[in-house]
Amino acid sequence: MRDYDEITAFLGEWGPYQKATFFLLSLSVFPNGFGGMSIVFVGDIPEHRCLIPRNLNLSEAWINRTIPLQLEKGKLQHSKCRRYRLDVIVNLSQTFPDPDSFNMSELEQEPCLDGWEYSKDQYISTIVSEWNLVCDNEWRTPFSMSIYFLGVLVGSFISGVLSDGFGRKAILFGTMAVQTGFNMLQIFSPNWQIFCLINFLIGIGQISNYVAAYVLGSELLGKSIRITYSTLGVGISYACGYMFLPLIAYFIRSWRMLLFALSLFGLLYIPLWWLIPESPRWLLLKGRVQDSEAILRKAAKKNDITLPEMLFNDLEVEGIKTENGKSFTIIFLVKTHNVRVITLISLIVWMILAVGYYGLSLNTPNLHGDDYLNCFFSAAIEIPANIAAWIFLQRFPRKFTLSGTLFLGGVVLFFVQLIPSNISALATVLVMVGKLANTCAFAIIYAYTAELYPTVIRNTGVGVSLTASRLGSIISPYFFFLGDYYEFLPYILMGSLAVFSAALVLFLPETVNITLPDTIDQMQKIKGLVQFTVLNSQPRLKRAISPTCIKSTMTRIFQFWVHSPQCSSCSIVLWLLFWPFLRTEVQKHRCSFI
């Protein structure tokens, strides 16, 4: 019996219909790029210091000395959260006209009881300056970001259910309306609490929109175009939206007006409702065969193709329903040893990738140089990253490509701490290289994870992995607060985690040029586990290795070691070279590692 891809093969792979669908669906992801990252400018922290009331009749010299100096990141700077006691300052100013004639460092300090004054050099207003999210309330800014990612986490759970129930197209445009509507509503937030609540709802809408566009494109486009769509289509469109953010933010320095300008772009997508079709596969699943055929006939007309008189027979429709109706619970991801190991590694790698990606993206205001240029470069670097991911997925093994990009992204972050302060631009370049490698790995792991799992639990496996990445994104805003203890600690931690995940990926099986498994029994086995088997038809025995095998193997090891140079620097290399001899000896006695 033919499956859906065989039935619709007459449409071809890359006709006018596929090109229009590819472009329009990619375009629908454009607002997601600036929607999720707008907090970089909306929640940026302007230069600030304690407010000194002007009614105290203090001279300018005394006002400048009212803020104590403190060592911050190796430099003496005015405190942002403390001041000398004003009543003491007022009394001293009446006795000592010149503040330099008095040792101020011995005076008692107090918090900013009258609020703060913020620099207007870069921003007219941000949520930080409007609601004083500094000092004791400094935690509220990253919490605003975490609330958004919590909404993304919830959206990841419900987006699939909603699109299965109401249709891919309805959810795509419904969630775009949610993003646009709540972005406009957020402009009128009277306080920080309401801002966070709306941010949570925007997070739900944004990820649901992204997932709906991703699924709809996968079902409307042919197999050979799906990887191109997920990298060059969706990935580059998202990056272009991200690049658009600093361009608008440069000219609009008020956070309310910035959100208003960005939300207006959602209105431009209303005409796409009449241009983007519903998924014929979903329509078949719901029994709407005539609607599905109407879309396919319209697509064939665009491609100048003559359709057969009958597209689907009853048996094929029932087969598609059965195929799409198969469901396995989440317990199957941990039920067997092999699947459990793959799931555990996937969860860890996805979480680390999200921490690195969002940590580097949200940290652009803390880099040396212009904030707007840094944000633009951070976005622009995603275009070559997605192109590289597309090339790697087409031509190279998944496992070593993913591990290599993770390793590169981790290593360059280690070197950031070695860059002298007088060439800080080089440190920014290294961070951008780390961002490139991380983005490339993110694009690769989508396809790789889907190939690791069999058909019966593929959607469940990818969905759980996505959930792990959302947990990573929730904690990512707090990573750079560790810089208060040591400036380069965030880069060291993210670099260490990336290198660790690169090593974990090497334990996964390769999937390139391998037939995708349909059942759990067909999954590839994880290699490198401590388990042995007798190479014959006997039942599998753990550690089933004969005394003869042990004696002969140990003899060869001893002989080789005696004749090798006794130096620690070359011993490791020689032992690695000895592995073929060990493996030959083990196999000669009909024992093998698996």
Protein backbone atom coordinates (compact mmCIF):
# COMPACT_ATOMS: atom_id res chain seq x y z
CA MET A 1 0.00 0.00 0.00
CA ARG A 2 1.32 3.43 -0.95
CA ASP A 3 2.07 5.99 1.76
CA TYR A 4 1.30 9.71 1.48
CA ASP A 5 4.67 10.63 -0.06
CA GLU A 6 4.23 8.03 -2.79
CA ILE A 7 0.68 9.16 -3.53
CA THR A 8 1.73 12.83 -3.93
CA ALA A 9 4.99 12.10 -5.78
CA PHE A 10 3.37 13.27 -9.05
CA LEU A 11 3.73 16.89 -7.81
CA GLY A 12 7.51 16.69 -8.10
CA GLU A 13 10.00 18.07 -5.57
CA TRP A 14 10.72 21.67 -6.58
CA GLY A 15 8.03 23.16 -8.78
CA PRO A 16 6.39 26.61 -8.54
CA TYR A 17 4.02 25.32 -5.85
CA GLN A 18 6.86 24.07 -3.62
CA LYS A 19 8.89 27.26 -4.16
CA ALA A 20 5.97 29.50 -3.17
CA THR A 21 5.19 27.36 -0.12
CA PHE A 22 8.86 27.32 0.90
CA PHE A 23 9.17 31.12 0.68
CA LEU A 24 5.85 32.01 2.35
CA LEU A 25 6.27 29.63 5.28
CA SER A 26 9.86 30.79 5.81
CA LEU A 27 8.58 34.37 5.77
CA SER A 28 6.08 33.56 8.53
CA VAL A 29 8.98 32.79 10.89
CA PHE A 30 10.57 36.24 10.37
CA PRO A 31 8.82 37.90 13.40
CA ASN A 32 10.02 35.12 15.70
CA GLY A 33 13.58 36.40 15.29
CA PHE A 34 12.96 39.81 16.83
CA GLY A 35 10.07 38.76 19.08
CA GLY A 36 12.13 36.53 21.33
CA MET A 37 15.23 38.71 21.46
CA SER A 38 13.63 42.15 21.93
CA ILE A 39 14.35 41.85 25.67
CA VAL A 40 18.02 42.53 24.80
CA PHE A 41 17.11 46.22 24.35
CA VAL A 42 13.80 46.39 26.21
CA GLY A 43 15.45 45.06 29.37
CA ASP A 44 18.94 46.52 29.03
CA ILE A 45 20.42 48.20 32.11
CA PRO A 46 21.43 51.85 31.52
CA GLU A 47 24.26 53.45 33.47
CA HIS A 48 22.84 54.52 36.83
CA ARG A 49 23.69 55.84 40.27
CA CYS A 50 21.82 56.85 43.42
CA LEU A 51 19.59 59.88 43.05
CA ILE A 52 20.69 62.89 45.10
CA PRO A 53 17.77 65.27 45.77
CA ARG A 54 18.46 68.75 44.44
CA ASN A 55 16.77 70.49 47.38
CA LEU A 56 19.66 69.83 49.76
CA ASN A 57 21.63 72.90 48.59
CA LEU A 58 24.76 70.83 47.97
CA SER A 59 27.44 72.15 45.67
CA GLU A 60 28.27 70.22 42.48
CA ALA A 61 31.56 69.14 44.02
CA TRP A 62 29.80 67.63 47.07
CA ILE A 63 27.15 65.94 44.89
CA ASN A 64 29.87 64.24 42.84
CA ARG A 65 31.57 62.99 46.02
CA THR A 66 28.34 61.68 47.57
CA ILE A 67 28.60 58.43 45.59
CA PRO A 68 31.42 56.19 46.90
CA LEU A 69 33.97 54.59 44.61
CA GLN A 70 34.34 50.82 44.48
CA LEU A 71 36.43 48.30 42.57
CA GLU A 72 34.37 46.62 39.82
CA LYS A 73 35.91 44.33 37.19
CA GLY A 74 39.35 45.66 37.98
CA LYS A 75 38.35 49.34 37.71
CA LEU A 76 37.36 52.02 40.21
CA GLN A 77 33.78 53.05 39.47
CA HIS A 78 31.02 54.93 41.25
CA SER A 79 28.75 52.63 43.22
CA LYS A 80 25.40 51.88 41.59
CA CYS A 81 23.60 50.83 44.75
CA ARG A 82 25.12 52.78 47.65
CA ARG A 83 25.72 56.38 48.70
CA TYR A 84 27.11 58.14 51.73
CA ARG A 85 24.54 59.10 54.35
CA LEU A 86 22.98 62.33 53.14
CA ASP A 87 22.41 63.85 56.60
CA VAL A 88 26.12 63.47 57.33
CA ILE A 89 27.04 64.88 53.92
CA VAL A 90 24.84 67.95 54.46
CA ASN A 91 26.46 68.66 57.84
CA LEU A 92 29.97 68.21 56.45
CA SER A 93 29.27 70.46 53.47
CA GLN A 94 28.50 73.31 55.83
CA THR A 95 31.84 72.83 57.62
CA PHE A 96 34.11 71.88 54.69
CA PRO A 97 33.35 73.80 51.49
CA ASP A 98 35.89 71.64 49.64
CA PRO A 99 35.10 67.88 49.86
CA ASP A 100 38.68 66.99 48.89
CA SER A 101 39.86 68.27 52.29
CA PHE A 102 37.98 65.45 54.03
CA ASN A 103 38.50 61.66 53.95
CA MET A 104 35.16 60.42 52.65
CA SER A 105 35.98 56.71 52.76
CA GLU A 106 35.36 56.56 56.53
CA LEU A 107 31.75 57.78 56.27
CA GLU A 108 28.80 55.47 56.80
CA GLN A 109 26.95 54.38 53.64
CA GLU A 110 23.26 53.79 52.94
CA PRO A 111 21.19 52.34 50.05
CA CYS A 112 19.57 54.51 47.35
CA LEU A 113 16.61 55.63 49.46
CA ASP A 114 15.48 58.27 46.94
CA GLY A 115 15.74 56.03 43.87
CA TRP A 116 18.18 56.22 41.00
CA GLU A 117 19.08 58.51 38.15
CA TYR A 118 19.71 56.83 34.80
CA SER A 119 21.87 57.88 31.90
CA LYS A 120 19.94 58.97 28.80
CA ASP A 121 22.94 58.59 26.49
CA GLN A 122 21.71 55.30 24.99
CA TYR A 123 18.07 54.83 25.99
CA ILE A 124 15.13 57.11 26.64
CA SER A 125 13.63 54.33 28.76
CA THR A 126 13.79 50.60 29.40
CA ILE A 127 11.80 48.43 31.78
CA VAL A 128 14.83 48.67 34.11
CA SER A 129 14.80 52.47 34.32
CA GLU A 130 11.00 52.67 34.48
CA TRP A 131 10.53 50.16 37.31
CA ASN A 132 13.96 50.43 39.00
CA LEU A 133 15.00 46.82 38.33
CA VAL A 134 18.49 47.35 39.78
CA CYS A 135 20.44 46.50 42.94
CA ASP A 136 18.14 44.47 45.23
CA ASN A 137 15.66 44.12 42.35
CA GLU A 138 18.30 43.19 39.78
CA TRP A 139 17.06 39.59 39.69
CA ARG A 140 13.81 40.75 38.10
CA THR A 141 15.36 41.44 34.69
CA PRO A 142 16.60 37.88 34.03
CA PHE A 143 13.41 36.61 35.65
CA SER A 144 11.44 38.48 32.96
CA MET A 145 13.39 36.50 30.36
CA SER A 146 12.95 33.22 32.23
CA ILE A 147 9.18 33.81 32.40
CA TYR A 148 9.18 34.21 28.62
CA PHE A 149 11.05 30.91 28.21
CA LEU A 150 8.67 29.27 30.67
CA GLY A 151 5.89 30.28 28.25
CA VAL A 152 7.96 28.73 25.46
CA LEU A 153 8.15 25.52 27.51
CA VAL A 154 4.36 25.43 27.97
CA GLY A 155 3.87 26.26 24.28
CA SER A 156 6.10 23.31 23.34
CA PHE A 157 3.71 20.99 25.18
CA ILE A 158 0.45 22.34 23.77
CA SER A 159 1.47 23.34 20.22
CA GLY A 160 1.47 19.77 18.92
CA VAL A 161 -1.86 18.96 20.52
CA LEU A 162 -3.44 22.17 19.19
CA SER A 163 -2.16 21.69 15.64
CA ASP A 164 -3.32 18.06 15.61
CA GLY A 165 -6.76 19.11 16.78
CA PHE A 166 -7.41 22.37 14.93
CA GLY A 167 -5.10 22.15 11.93
CA ARG A 168 -1.60 23.39 11.12
CA LYS A 169 -2.75 26.51 9.28
CA ALA A 170 -5.26 27.59 11.94
CA ILE A 171 -2.66 27.34 14.70
CA LEU A 172 0.01 29.04 12.57
CA PHE A 173 -2.11 32.15 12.06
CA GLY A 174 -3.80 31.96 15.45
CA THR A 175 -0.48 32.05 17.27
CA MET A 176 0.78 34.84 15.01
CA ALA A 177 -2.28 36.81 16.13
CA VAL A 178 -1.44 35.97 19.77
CA GLN A 179 2.10 37.31 19.32
CA THR A 180 0.97 40.50 17.62
CA GLY A 181 -1.93 41.16 20.00
CA PHE A 182 -0.04 40.57 23.23
CA ASN A 183 3.00 42.51 21.99
CA MET A 184 0.71 45.50 21.52
CA LEU A 185 -0.95 44.88 24.88
CA GLN A 186 2.44 44.70 26.59
CA ILE A 187 3.04 48.35 25.68
CA PHE A 188 0.41 49.35 28.26
CA SER A 189 1.89 47.30 31.11
CA PRO A 190 1.41 49.39 34.29
CA ASN A 191 3.98 47.44 36.30
CA TRP A 192 6.61 44.74 36.10
CA GLN A 193 4.25 41.96 37.21
CA ILE A 194 1.82 42.55 34.33
CA PHE A 195 4.76 42.80 31.92
CA CYS A 196 5.95 39.33 33.02
CA LEU A 197 2.47 37.82 32.72
CA ILE A 198 2.12 39.07 29.14
CA ASN A 199 5.67 37.95 28.39
CA PHE A 200 4.66 34.42 29.41
CA LEU A 201 1.72 34.47 26.97
CA ILE A 202 3.93 35.83 24.17
CA GLY A 203 6.33 32.92 24.77
CA ILE A 204 3.48 30.42 24.37
CA GLY A 205 2.41 32.04 21.09
CA GLN A 206 5.86 32.35 19.61
CA ILE A 207 7.01 28.75 19.95
CA SER A 208 3.57 27.46 18.86
CA ASN A 209 3.87 29.60 15.74
CA TYR A 210 7.37 28.30 15.03
CA VAL A 211 6.39 24.65 15.53
CA ALA A 212 3.26 25.03 13.39
CA ALA A 213 5.30 26.56 10.54
CA TYR A 214 7.92 23.82 10.88
CA VAL A 215 5.36 20.99 10.82
CA LEU A 216 3.28 22.52 8.01
CA GLY A 217 6.37 22.95 5.84
CA SER A 218 7.48 19.37 6.53
CA GLU A 219 4.08 18.07 5.41
CA LEU A 220 3.66 20.30 2.35
CA LEU A 221 7.20 19.84 0.99
CA GLY A 222 8.85 16.68 -0.31
CA LYS A 223 11.44 14.61 1.54
CA SER A 224 14.41 16.03 -0.37
CA ILE A 225 13.45 19.63 0.51
CA ARG A 226 12.72 19.19 4.22
CA ILE A 227 16.31 19.54 5.45
CA THR A 228 16.77 22.59 3.22
CA TYR A 229 13.56 24.06 4.61
CA SER A 230 14.60 23.54 8.25
CA THR A 231 18.03 25.15 7.73
CA LEU A 232 18.10 27.54 4.78
CA GLY A 233 14.37 28.32 5.00
CA VAL A 234 13.28 28.59 8.62
CA GLY A 235 16.79 29.13 10.03
CA ILE A 236 17.79 32.01 7.77
CA SER A 237 14.38 33.69 8.01
CA TYR A 238 14.67 33.61 11.81
CA ALA A 239 18.19 35.07 11.56
CA CYS A 240 16.98 37.88 9.27
CA GLY A 241 14.27 38.75 11.80
CA TYR A 242 16.92 38.75 14.52
CA MET A 243 19.12 41.08 12.40
CA PHE A 244 16.15 43.39 11.94
CA LEU A 245 15.87 43.96 15.71
CA PRO A 246 19.01 46.11 16.28
CA LEU A 247 18.26 48.14 13.13
CA ILE A 248 14.87 49.19 14.54
CA ALA A 249 16.15 49.51 18.12
CA TYR A 250 18.90 51.89 16.98
CA PHE A 251 16.32 54.45 15.87
CA ILE A 252 13.72 53.82 18.61
CA ARG A 253 15.22 54.18 22.10
CA SER A 254 11.99 53.93 24.14
CA TRP A 255 10.97 50.38 25.07
CA ARG A 256 7.23 50.98 24.63
CA MET A 257 7.61 52.51 21.18
CA LEU A 258 10.05 49.78 20.18
CA LEU A 259 7.55 47.02 21.05
CA PHE A 260 4.80 48.90 19.24
CA ALA A 261 6.88 49.23 16.06
CA LEU A 262 7.84 45.53 16.14
CA SER A 263 4.26 44.38 16.74
CA LEU A 264 3.01 46.27 13.68
CA PHE A 265 4.88 43.86 11.42
CA GLY A 266 2.47 41.10 12.49
CA LEU A 267 -0.32 42.91 10.63
CA LEU A 268 1.57 42.51 7.35
CA TYR A 269 1.07 38.73 7.50
CA ILE A 270 -2.73 38.80 7.27
CA PRO A 271 -2.73 38.33 3.42
CA LEU A 272 -0.75 35.09 3.85
CA TRP A 273 -3.96 33.40 5.05
CA TRP A 274 -5.15 33.22 1.44
CA LEU A 275 -1.75 32.11 0.09
CA ILE A 276 -0.63 29.35 2.48
CA PRO A 277 -2.67 26.10 2.21
CA GLU A 278 -3.64 23.69 4.96
CA SER A 279 -1.76 20.40 5.19
CA PRO A 280 -3.41 17.81 2.89
CA ARG A 281 -1.95 15.08 5.10
CA TRP A 282 -3.75 16.50 8.17
CA LEU A 283 -6.99 16.84 6.21
CA LEU A 284 -6.78 13.17 5.24
CA LEU A 285 -6.17 12.24 8.85
CA LYS A 286 -9.41 14.04 9.77
CA GLY A 287 -11.34 12.32 6.97
CA ARG A 288 -11.65 15.46 4.81
CA VAL A 289 -10.60 13.73 1.60
CA GLN A 290 -12.30 16.20 -0.79
CA ASP A 291 -10.58 19.21 0.85
CA SER A 292 -7.24 17.42 0.63
CA GLU A 293 -7.76 16.58 -3.04
CA ALA A 294 -8.76 20.19 -3.80
CA ILE A 295 -5.45 21.49 -2.41
CA LEU A 296 -3.43 18.89 -4.31
CA ARG A 297 -5.27 19.66 -7.57
CA LYS A 298 -4.54 23.35 -7.09
CA ALA A 299 -0.88 22.53 -6.45
CA ALA A 300 -0.76 20.34 -9.59
CA LYS A 301 -2.25 23.18 -11.63
CA LYS A 302 0.48 25.53 -10.39
CA ASN A 303 3.12 23.00 -11.37
CA ASP A 304 1.39 22.43 -14.75
CA ILE A 305 0.84 18.74 -14.00
CA THR A 306 -2.13 16.59 -14.99
CA LEU A 307 -3.60 14.71 -12.05
CA PRO A 308 -4.88 11.15 -12.12
CA GLU A 309 -8.66 10.91 -11.92
CA MET A 310 -8.56 9.25 -8.51
CA LEU A 311 -5.94 10.32 -5.99
CA PHE A 312 -6.87 8.29 -2.92
CA ASN A 313 -8.77 5.08 -2.46
CA ASP A 314 -10.46 4.12 0.78
CA LEU A 315 -7.74 1.64 1.72
CA GLU A 316 -4.99 4.25 1.36
CA VAL A 317 -6.91 6.80 3.42
CA GLU A 318 -7.36 4.26 6.19
CA GLY A 319 -3.67 3.38 5.96
CA ILE A 320 -2.64 7.02 6.39
CA LYS A 321 -4.98 7.36 9.37
CA THR A 322 -3.53 4.23 10.94
CA GLU A 323 0.04 5.36 10.32
CA ASN A 324 -0.52 8.81 11.81
CA GLY A 325 -2.69 7.49 14.60
CA LYS A 326 0.02 5.33 16.13
CA SER A 327 0.93 6.61 19.58
CA PHE A 328 3.45 5.40 22.11
CA THR A 329 3.67 6.90 25.58
CA ILE A 330 6.72 8.69 26.93
CA ILE A 331 7.58 5.60 28.99
CA PHE A 332 8.97 3.97 25.81
CA LEU A 333 11.83 6.51 25.86
CA VAL A 334 13.21 4.89 29.00
CA LYS A 335 11.75 1.39 28.84
CA THR A 336 14.73 -0.32 27.18
CA HIS A 337 18.40 0.17 27.99
CA ASN A 338 19.47 1.32 24.52
CA VAL A 339 16.68 3.89 24.06
CA ARG A 340 17.19 5.10 27.63
CA VAL A 341 20.86 5.92 26.99
CA ILE A 342 20.05 7.73 23.73
CA THR A 343 17.31 9.72 25.46
CA LEU A 344 19.56 10.69 28.38
CA ILE A 345 22.37 11.88 26.08
CA SER A 346 19.89 13.78 23.89
CA LEU A 347 18.35 15.57 26.87
CA ILE A 348 21.74 16.69 28.20
CA VAL A 349 23.03 17.87 24.81
CA TRP A 350 19.81 19.75 23.96
CA MET A 351 19.82 21.50 27.34
CA ILE A 352 23.48 22.53 27.03
CA LEU A 353 22.90 23.81 23.49
CA ALA A 354 20.02 26.01 24.68
CA VAL A 355 22.09 27.40 27.56
CA GLY A 356 24.88 28.31 25.14
CA TYR A 357 22.68 29.74 22.41
CA TYR A 358 20.47 31.95 24.55
CA GLY A 359 23.26 32.78 26.98
CA LEU A 360 25.44 34.18 24.18
CA SER A 361 22.49 35.89 22.46
CA LEU A 362 21.21 37.65 25.57
CA ASN A 363 24.69 38.70 26.63
CA THR A 364 25.41 40.93 23.63
CA PRO A 365 24.93 44.19 25.65
CA ASN A 366 27.75 43.06 27.97
CA LEU A 367 30.28 42.65 25.15
CA HIS A 368 32.85 45.30 24.38
CA GLY A 369 31.88 47.73 21.64
CA ASP A 370 28.57 49.06 20.36
CA ASP A 371 25.50 47.14 21.62
CA TYR A 372 23.62 47.48 18.34
CA LEU A 373 26.51 46.28 16.21
CA ASN A 374 27.17 43.36 18.56
CA CYS A 375 23.53 42.30 18.39
CA PHE A 376 23.54 42.63 14.59
CA PHE A 377 26.70 40.53 14.27
CA SER A 378 25.27 37.94 16.68
CA ALA A 379 22.24 37.64 14.41
CA ALA A 380 24.13 37.81 11.10
CA ILE A 381 26.45 34.99 12.16
CA GLU A 382 23.44 32.65 12.15
CA ILE A 383 23.15 32.85 8.36
CA PRO A 384 26.54 31.18 7.63
CA ALA A 385 25.85 28.85 10.56
CA ASN A 386 22.64 27.57 8.94
CA ILE A 387 24.31 27.32 5.53
CA ALA A 388 27.12 25.29 7.10
CA ALA A 389 24.57 23.06 8.84
CA TRP A 390 22.81 22.44 5.52
CA ILE A 391 26.11 21.46 3.85
CA PHE A 392 27.08 19.20 6.77
CA LEU A 393 23.70 17.46 6.77
CA GLN A 394 23.96 16.83 3.02
CA ARG A 395 27.52 15.50 2.88
CA PHE A 396 29.00 14.57 6.26
CA PRO A 397 28.31 12.14 9.14
CA ARG A 398 25.91 13.50 11.74
CA LYS A 399 27.74 12.36 14.87
CA PHE A 400 31.20 13.74 14.14
CA THR A 401 29.85 16.94 12.61
CA LEU A 402 27.72 17.69 15.68
CA SER A 403 30.52 16.76 18.06
CA GLY A 404 33.03 18.85 16.11
CA THR A 405 30.88 21.99 16.08
CA LEU A 406 30.16 21.64 19.80
CA PHE A 407 33.85 21.18 20.53
CA LEU A 408 34.78 24.23 18.45
CA GLY A 409 32.11 26.34 20.16
CA GLY A 410 33.36 25.29 23.58
CA VAL A 411 37.08 25.73 22.97
CA VAL A 412 36.86 29.29 21.58
CA LEU A 413 34.93 30.39 24.68
CA PHE A 414 37.84 29.20 26.85
CA PHE A 415 40.21 31.55 25.01
CA VAL A 416 38.07 34.64 25.75
CA GLN A 417 39.68 34.95 29.20
CA LEU A 418 43.18 35.03 27.66
CA ILE A 419 42.53 38.11 25.50
CA PRO A 420 44.16 41.31 26.88
CA SER A 421 41.77 44.15 27.65
CA ASN A 422 43.44 46.42 25.09
CA ILE A 423 42.33 44.15 22.21
CA SER A 424 38.81 43.43 23.46
CA ALA A 425 37.53 43.34 19.86
CA LEU A 426 39.25 39.95 19.51
CA ALA A 427 37.27 38.64 22.49
CA THR A 428 34.06 39.70 20.74
CA VAL A 429 35.20 37.85 17.60
CA LEU A 430 35.76 34.67 19.64
CA VAL A 431 32.29 34.97 21.18
CA MET A 432 30.81 35.31 17.69
CA VAL A 433 32.68 32.20 16.53
CA GLY A 434 31.26 30.37 19.55
CA LYS A 435 27.78 31.60 18.62
CA LEU A 436 28.28 30.41 15.01
CA ALA A 437 29.30 26.92 16.12
CA ASN A 438 26.46 26.73 18.64
CA THR A 439 23.84 27.80 16.09
CA CYS A 440 25.19 25.32 13.55
CA ALA A 441 24.99 22.53 16.14
CA PHE A 442 21.41 23.53 16.97
CA ALA A 443 20.40 23.20 13.31
CA ILE A 444 22.12 19.81 12.99
CA ILE A 445 20.68 18.27 16.15
CA TYR A 446 17.08 18.75 14.95
CA ALA A 447 17.65 16.37 12.03
CA TYR A 448 19.98 14.06 13.97
CA THR A 449 17.57 13.52 16.87
CA ALA A 450 14.71 12.71 14.49
CA GLU A 451 16.91 10.10 12.79
CA LEU A 452 17.98 8.47 16.06
CA TYR A 453 14.46 7.50 17.13
CA PRO A 454 12.22 4.99 15.33
CA THR A 455 8.99 6.09 13.67
CA VAL A 456 6.77 4.89 16.53
CA ILE A 457 8.38 7.25 19.09
CA ARG A 458 10.07 9.84 16.83
CA ASN A 459 7.70 12.70 17.61
CA THR A 460 7.79 11.85 21.32
CA GLY A 461 11.60 11.73 21.35
CA VAL A 462 12.02 15.04 19.54
CA GLY A 463 9.32 16.65 21.71
CA VAL A 464 10.98 15.60 24.96
CA SER A 465 14.35 16.81 23.66
CA LEU A 466 12.80 20.19 22.80
CA THR A 467 11.41 20.35 26.34
CA ALA A 468 14.92 19.82 27.72
CA SER A 469 16.18 22.69 25.58
CA ARG A 470 13.44 24.94 27.01
CA LEU A 471 14.63 24.11 30.52
CA GLY A 472 18.11 25.17 29.42
CA SER A 473 16.76 28.44 28.01
CA ILE A 474 14.97 29.20 31.31
CA ILE A 475 18.24 29.14 33.29
CA SER A 476 20.34 30.80 30.56
CA PRO A 477 19.55 34.44 31.56
CA TYR A 478 21.15 33.84 34.96
CA PHE A 479 24.40 32.49 33.56
CA PHE A 480 25.97 35.89 33.02
CA PHE A 481 25.15 37.03 36.53
CA LEU A 482 28.02 34.73 37.51
CA GLY A 483 30.26 37.38 35.93
CA ASP A 484 29.79 39.43 39.10
CA TYR A 485 32.05 36.91 40.85
CA TYR A 486 34.54 36.49 38.01
CA GLU A 487 34.20 38.26 34.67
CA PHE A 488 34.99 35.22 32.52
CA LEU A 489 33.25 32.58 34.63
CA PRO A 490 30.17 32.40 32.32
CA TYR A 491 32.37 31.71 29.28
CA ILE A 492 34.37 29.09 31.16
CA LEU A 493 31.20 27.30 32.27
CA MET A 494 29.54 27.41 28.85
CA GLY A 495 32.76 26.30 27.17
CA SER A 496 33.14 23.38 29.61
CA LEU A 497 29.54 22.29 29.07
CA ALA A 498 29.91 22.47 25.28
CA VAL A 499 33.08 20.32 25.31
CA PHE A 500 31.37 17.85 27.66
CA SER A 501 28.37 17.56 25.33
CA ALA A 502 30.74 17.09 22.35
CA ALA A 503 32.19 14.05 24.12
CA LEU A 504 28.71 12.68 24.92
CA VAL A 505 27.63 12.88 21.26
CA LEU A 506 30.42 10.45 20.32
CA PHE A 507 28.55 7.69 22.17
CA LEU A 508 25.54 8.04 19.86
CA PRO A 509 25.23 5.86 16.73
CA GLU A 510 25.74 7.30 13.25
CA THR A 511 22.58 7.76 11.15
CA VAL A 512 23.83 9.04 7.78
CA ASN A 513 23.05 6.63 4.93
CA ILE A 514 21.25 4.38 7.42
CA THR A 515 17.63 3.37 6.85
CA LEU A 516 15.49 5.10 9.45
CA PRO A 517 14.13 2.59 11.99
CA ASP A 518 10.38 2.04 12.24
CA THR A 519 10.27 0.03 15.47
CA ILE A 520 12.22 0.12 18.73
CA ASP A 521 13.82 -3.25 17.92
CA GLN A 522 15.29 -1.78 14.73
CA MET A 523 17.19 1.00 16.55
CA GLN A 524 20.95 0.94 16.35
CA LYS A 525 22.76 -0.22 19.45
CA ILE A 526 24.86 2.12 21.53
CA LYS A 527 28.51 1.10 21.24
CA GLY A 528 31.06 1.35 24.00
CA LEU A 529 28.88 -0.03 26.82
CA VAL A 530 30.50 -2.44 29.26
CA GLN A 531 28.90 -5.61 28.00
CA PHE A 532 30.24 -8.70 26.25
CA THR A 533 28.67 -11.41 24.13
CA VAL A 534 29.73 -14.77 22.70
CA LEU A 535 29.87 -14.55 18.91
CA ASN A 536 27.68 -17.51 18.09
CA SER A 537 24.03 -18.50 18.29
CA GLN A 538 24.13 -18.98 22.09
CA PRO A 539 22.06 -16.60 24.26
CA ARG A 540 23.75 -13.31 25.15
CA LEU A 541 25.80 -13.47 28.37
CA LYS A 542 27.14 -10.44 30.17
CA ARG A 543 30.94 -10.55 30.63
CA ALA A 544 31.02 -14.02 28.99
CA ILE A 545 34.77 -14.15 28.40
CA SER A 546 36.82 -17.32 28.80
CA PRO A 547 39.90 -17.78 31.08
CA THR A 548 41.95 -18.68 27.98
CA CYS A 549 41.01 -15.35 26.42
CA ILE A 550 41.98 -13.46 29.59
CA LYS A 551 45.35 -15.26 29.95
CA SER A 552 46.38 -14.84 26.32
CA THR A 553 45.29 -11.19 26.20
CA MET A 554 47.14 -10.25 29.41
CA THR A 555 50.30 -11.98 28.13
CA ARG A 556 50.28 -9.93 24.94
CA ILE A 557 49.66 -6.73 26.94
CA PHE A 558 52.63 -7.45 29.23
CA GLN A 559 54.98 -8.30 26.34
CA PHE A 560 54.07 -5.14 24.47
CA TRP A 561 54.45 -2.95 27.56
CA VAL A 562 57.89 -4.33 28.41
CA HIS A 563 59.23 -3.47 24.95
CA SER A 564 57.69 0.01 24.88
CA PRO A 565 59.55 3.15 26.02
CA GLN A 566 58.78 3.90 29.66
CA CYS A 567 57.72 7.52 29.34
CA SER A 568 54.35 8.96 30.31
CA SER A 569 54.12 11.23 27.26
CA CYS A 570 54.17 8.38 24.74
CA SER A 571 52.57 5.59 26.79
CA ILE A 572 49.03 6.74 26.07
CA VAL A 573 49.73 6.83 22.34
CA LEU A 574 51.30 3.35 22.42
CA TRP A 575 48.39 1.93 24.35
CA LEU A 576 45.99 3.37 21.78
CA LEU A 577 48.11 1.81 19.02
CA PHE A 578 47.99 -1.49 20.91
CA TRP A 579 44.17 -1.64 20.73
CA PRO A 580 44.13 -3.49 17.34
CA PHE A 581 46.37 -6.20 18.81
CA LEU A 582 44.11 -6.53 21.84
CA ARG A 583 40.98 -6.69 19.68
CA THR A 584 42.55 -9.35 17.40
CA GLU A 585 43.50 -11.46 20.42
CA VAL A 586 40.03 -11.19 21.94
CA GLN A 587 38.27 -12.06 18.70
CA LYS A 588 40.58 -15.07 18.17
CA HIS A 589 39.04 -16.58 21.28
CA ARG A 590 35.51 -15.84 20.04
CA CYS A 591 34.91 -12.96 22.46
CA SER A 592 34.03 -9.42 21.52
CA PHE A 593 33.14 -6.04 22.94
CA ILE A 594 29.75 -4.63 21.86
